[in-house]
C-alpha atoms as a PDB file:
ATOM      1  CA  MET A   1       5.960 -18.921 -62.272  1.00  0.00           C
ATOM      2  CA  THR A   2       3.511 -21.044 -60.299  1.00  0.00           C
ATOM      3  CA  VAL A   3       4.613 -24.111 -58.333  1.00  0.00           C
ATOM      4  CA  THR A   4       1.659 -26.596 -58.392  1.00  0.00           C
ATOM      5  CA  LYS A   5       1.001 -29.303 -55.895  1.00  0.00           C
ATOM      6  CA  LYS A   6       1.739 -31.872 -58.588  1.00  0.00           C
ATOM      7  CA  ALA A   7       5.289 -30.249 -59.174  1.00  0.00           C
ATOM      8  CA  MET A   8       6.014 -30.204 -55.494  1.00  0.00           C
ATOM      9  CA  VAL A   9       5.078 -33.881 -55.099  1.00  0.00           C
ATOM     10  CA  LYS A  10       7.339 -34.739 -58.030  1.00  0.00           C
ATOM     11  CA  ARG A  11      10.255 -32.977 -56.539  1.00  0.00           C
ATOM     12  CA  ILE A  12       9.797 -34.346 -52.991  1.00  0.00           C
ATOM     13  CA  ALA A  13       9.443 -37.796 -54.366  1.00  0.00           C
ATOM     14  CA  ALA A  14      12.664 -37.419 -56.311  1.00  0.00           C
ATOM     15  CA  GLU A  15      14.615 -35.852 -53.345  1.00  0.00           C
ATOM     16  CA  THR A  16      13.349 -38.450 -50.871  1.00  0.00           C
ATOM     17  CA  GLU A  17      13.229 -41.452 -53.103  1.00  0.00           C
ATOM     18  CA  VAL A  18       9.604 -42.144 -51.934  1.00  0.00           C
ATOM     19  CA  LYS A  19       6.886 -43.122 -54.419  1.00  0.00           C
ATOM     20  CA  ARG A  20       5.076 -40.227 -55.971  1.00  0.00           C
ATOM     21  CA  ALA A  21       1.686 -41.612 -55.000  1.00  0.00           C
ATOM     22  CA  ASP A  22       2.748 -41.981 -51.293  1.00  0.00           C
ATOM     23  CA  VAL A  23       4.108 -38.433 -51.304  1.00  0.00           C
ATOM     24  CA  LYS A  24       0.881 -37.099 -52.985  1.00  0.00           C
ATOM     25  CA  GLU A  25      -1.173 -38.929 -50.339  1.00  0.00           C
ATOM     26  CA  VAL A  26       0.729 -37.459 -47.429  1.00  0.00           C
ATOM     27  CA  VAL A  27       0.636 -33.902 -49.012  1.00  0.00           C
ATOM     28  CA  GLN A  28      -3.119 -34.141 -49.507  1.00  0.00           C
ATOM     29  CA  HIS A  29      -3.623 -35.397 -45.868  1.00  0.00           C
ATOM     30  CA  PHE A  30      -1.529 -32.477 -44.710  1.00  0.00           C
ATOM     31  CA  LEU A  31      -3.580 -30.049 -46.594  1.00  0.00           C
ATOM     32  CA  ASP A  32      -6.779 -31.622 -45.471  1.00  0.00           C
ATOM     33  CA  ASP A  33      -5.681 -31.416 -41.897  1.00  0.00           C
ATOM     34  CA  MET A  34      -4.907 -27.705 -42.338  1.00  0.00           C
ATOM     35  CA  VAL A  35      -8.372 -27.008 -43.799  1.00  0.00           C
ATOM     36  CA  GLU A  36      -9.947 -29.080 -40.992  1.00  0.00           C
ATOM     37  CA  ALA A  37      -7.986 -27.131 -38.280  1.00  0.00           C
ATOM     38  CA  LEU A  38      -8.828 -23.807 -39.697  1.00  0.00           C
ATOM     39  CA  SER A  39     -12.462 -24.665 -40.049  1.00  0.00           C
ATOM     40  CA  GLU A  40     -12.564 -25.506 -36.466  1.00  0.00           C
ATOM     41  CA  GLY A  41     -11.300 -21.996 -35.604  1.00  0.00           C
ATOM     42  CA  LYS A  42      -7.689 -23.165 -34.693  1.00  0.00           C
ATOM     43  CA  LYS A  43      -4.397 -21.177 -35.592  1.00  0.00           C
ATOM     44  CA  ILE A  44      -1.700 -23.004 -37.448  1.00  0.00           C
ATOM     45  CA  GLU A  45       1.851 -22.096 -36.826  1.00  0.00           C
ATOM     46  CA  PHE A  46       4.980 -23.360 -38.632  1.00  0.00           C
ATOM     47  CA  ARG A  47       8.230 -22.025 -37.288  1.00  0.00           C
ATOM     48  CA  ARG A  48      10.430 -20.299 -39.818  1.00  0.00           C
ATOM     49  CA  PHE A  49       7.579 -20.139 -42.309  1.00  0.00           C
ATOM     50  CA  GLY A  50       4.529 -18.453 -40.918  1.00  0.00           C
ATOM     51  CA  ILE A  51       1.132 -18.443 -39.169  1.00  0.00           C
ATOM     52  CA  PHE A  52      -2.347 -19.166 -40.651  1.00  0.00           C
ATOM     53  CA  GLU A  53      -5.067 -17.625 -38.560  1.00  0.00           C
ATOM     54  CA  LEU A  54      -8.676 -16.586 -38.732  1.00  0.00           C
ATOM     55  CA  VAL A  55      -9.549 -12.964 -38.614  1.00  0.00           C
ATOM     56  CA  VAL A  56     -12.900 -11.160 -38.874  1.00  0.00           C
ATOM     57  CA  ALA A  57     -13.164  -8.718 -41.836  1.00  0.00           C
ATOM     58  CA  LYS A  58     -15.468  -5.864 -41.008  1.00  0.00           C
ATOM     59  CA  GLU A  59     -18.439  -4.899 -43.059  1.00  0.00           C
ATOM     60  CA  LYS A  60     -17.704  -2.641 -45.801  1.00  0.00           C
ATOM     61  CA  VAL A  61     -19.313  -1.094 -48.970  1.00  0.00           C
ATOM     62  CA  GLY A  62     -17.887  -2.245 -52.373  1.00  0.00           C
ATOM     63  CA  ARG A  63     -18.572  -1.098 -55.824  1.00  0.00           C
ATOM     64  CA  ASN A  64     -18.811  -2.886 -59.149  1.00  0.00           C
ATOM     65  CA  PRO A  65     -16.106  -1.328 -61.502  1.00  0.00           C
ATOM     66  CA  LYS A  66     -18.438  -1.600 -64.458  1.00  0.00           C
ATOM     67  CA  LYS A  67     -21.296   0.127 -62.602  1.00  0.00           C
ATOM     68  CA  PRO A  68     -19.517   2.324 -59.904  1.00  0.00           C
ATOM     69  CA  GLN A  69     -22.844   4.012 -59.019  1.00  0.00           C
ATOM     70  CA  ASN A  70     -24.199   0.758 -57.543  1.00  0.00           C
ATOM     71  CA  GLU A  71     -22.892   0.190 -54.006  1.00  0.00           C
ATOM     72  CA  VAL A  72     -22.939  -3.291 -52.534  1.00  0.00           C
ATOM     73  CA  VAL A  73     -22.617  -4.010 -48.776  1.00  0.00           C
ATOM     74  CA  ILE A  74     -20.045  -6.728 -48.175  1.00  0.00           C
ATOM     75  CA  PRO A  75     -21.030  -8.340 -44.766  1.00  0.00           C
ATOM     76  CA  GLU A  76     -18.744  -9.017 -41.828  1.00  0.00           C
ATOM     77  CA  HIS A  77     -17.030 -12.281 -42.600  1.00  0.00           C
ATOM     78  CA  VAL A  78     -14.210 -14.628 -41.404  1.00  0.00           C
ATOM     79  CA  LYS A  79     -11.198 -15.060 -43.576  1.00  0.00           C
ATOM     80  CA  VAL A  80      -7.782 -16.703 -43.341  1.00  0.00           C
ATOM     81  CA  ARG A  81      -4.729 -14.462 -42.876  1.00  0.00           C
ATOM     82  CA  PHE A  82      -1.193 -15.698 -43.429  1.00  0.00           C
ATOM     83  CA  ARG A  83       1.577 -13.905 -41.624  1.00  0.00           C
ATOM     84  CA  THR A  84       5.095 -14.773 -42.832  1.00  0.00           C
ATOM     85  CA  SER A  85       7.832 -15.511 -40.485  1.00  0.00           C
ATOM     86  CA  GLU A  86      10.777 -13.243 -40.063  1.00  0.00           C
ATOM     87  CA  SER A  87      13.111 -15.763 -41.870  1.00  0.00           C
ATOM     88  CA  LEU A  88      10.690 -15.994 -44.878  1.00  0.00           C
ATOM     89  CA  THR A  89      10.096 -12.266 -45.009  1.00  0.00           C
ATOM     90  CA  LYS A  90      13.927 -11.837 -45.008  1.00  0.00           C
ATOM     91  CA  LYS A  91      14.535 -14.376 -47.804  1.00  0.00           C
ATOM     92  CA  VAL A  92      11.675 -12.920 -50.016  1.00  0.00           C
ATOM     93  CA  SER A  93      12.945  -9.362 -49.457  1.00  0.00           C
ATOM     94  CA  GLN A  94      16.120 -10.341 -51.295  1.00  0.00           C
ATOM     95  CA  LEU A  95      14.230 -10.792 -54.625  1.00  0.00           C
ATOM     96  CA  ALA A  96      14.464  -8.058 -57.168  1.00  0.00           C
ATOM     97  CA  PRO A  97      11.057  -6.280 -57.694  1.00  0.00           C
ATOM     98  CA  LYS A  98      11.856  -5.812 -61.424  1.00  0.00           C
ATOM     99  CA  ASP A  99      11.549  -9.624 -61.921  1.00  0.00           C
ATOM    100  CA  PHE A 100       7.819  -9.424 -60.889  1.00  0.00           C
ATOM    101  CA  LYS A 101       6.517  -6.770 -63.210  1.00  0.00           C
END
């Protein structure tokens, strides 16, 4: 099951009794600020949730599964990594693996 931004906005609006449009605007500003901070090379840390940080992925050789004889060099690049907090990891580890197959 996927939780969308729209569904989260709807739930938060219902729980807080704040207009959906206002919640949507705050959530979008929050996400925009995260994108801005990451694009400036900053790390974002939320206690009891996790850390978003930038890491450099080393150059590597990839292959097209349809044409494995063709090698493609994937250049070194920057990507976003998310590391979960201990409390989130603990909570997720309580889920049953069979429910995700």
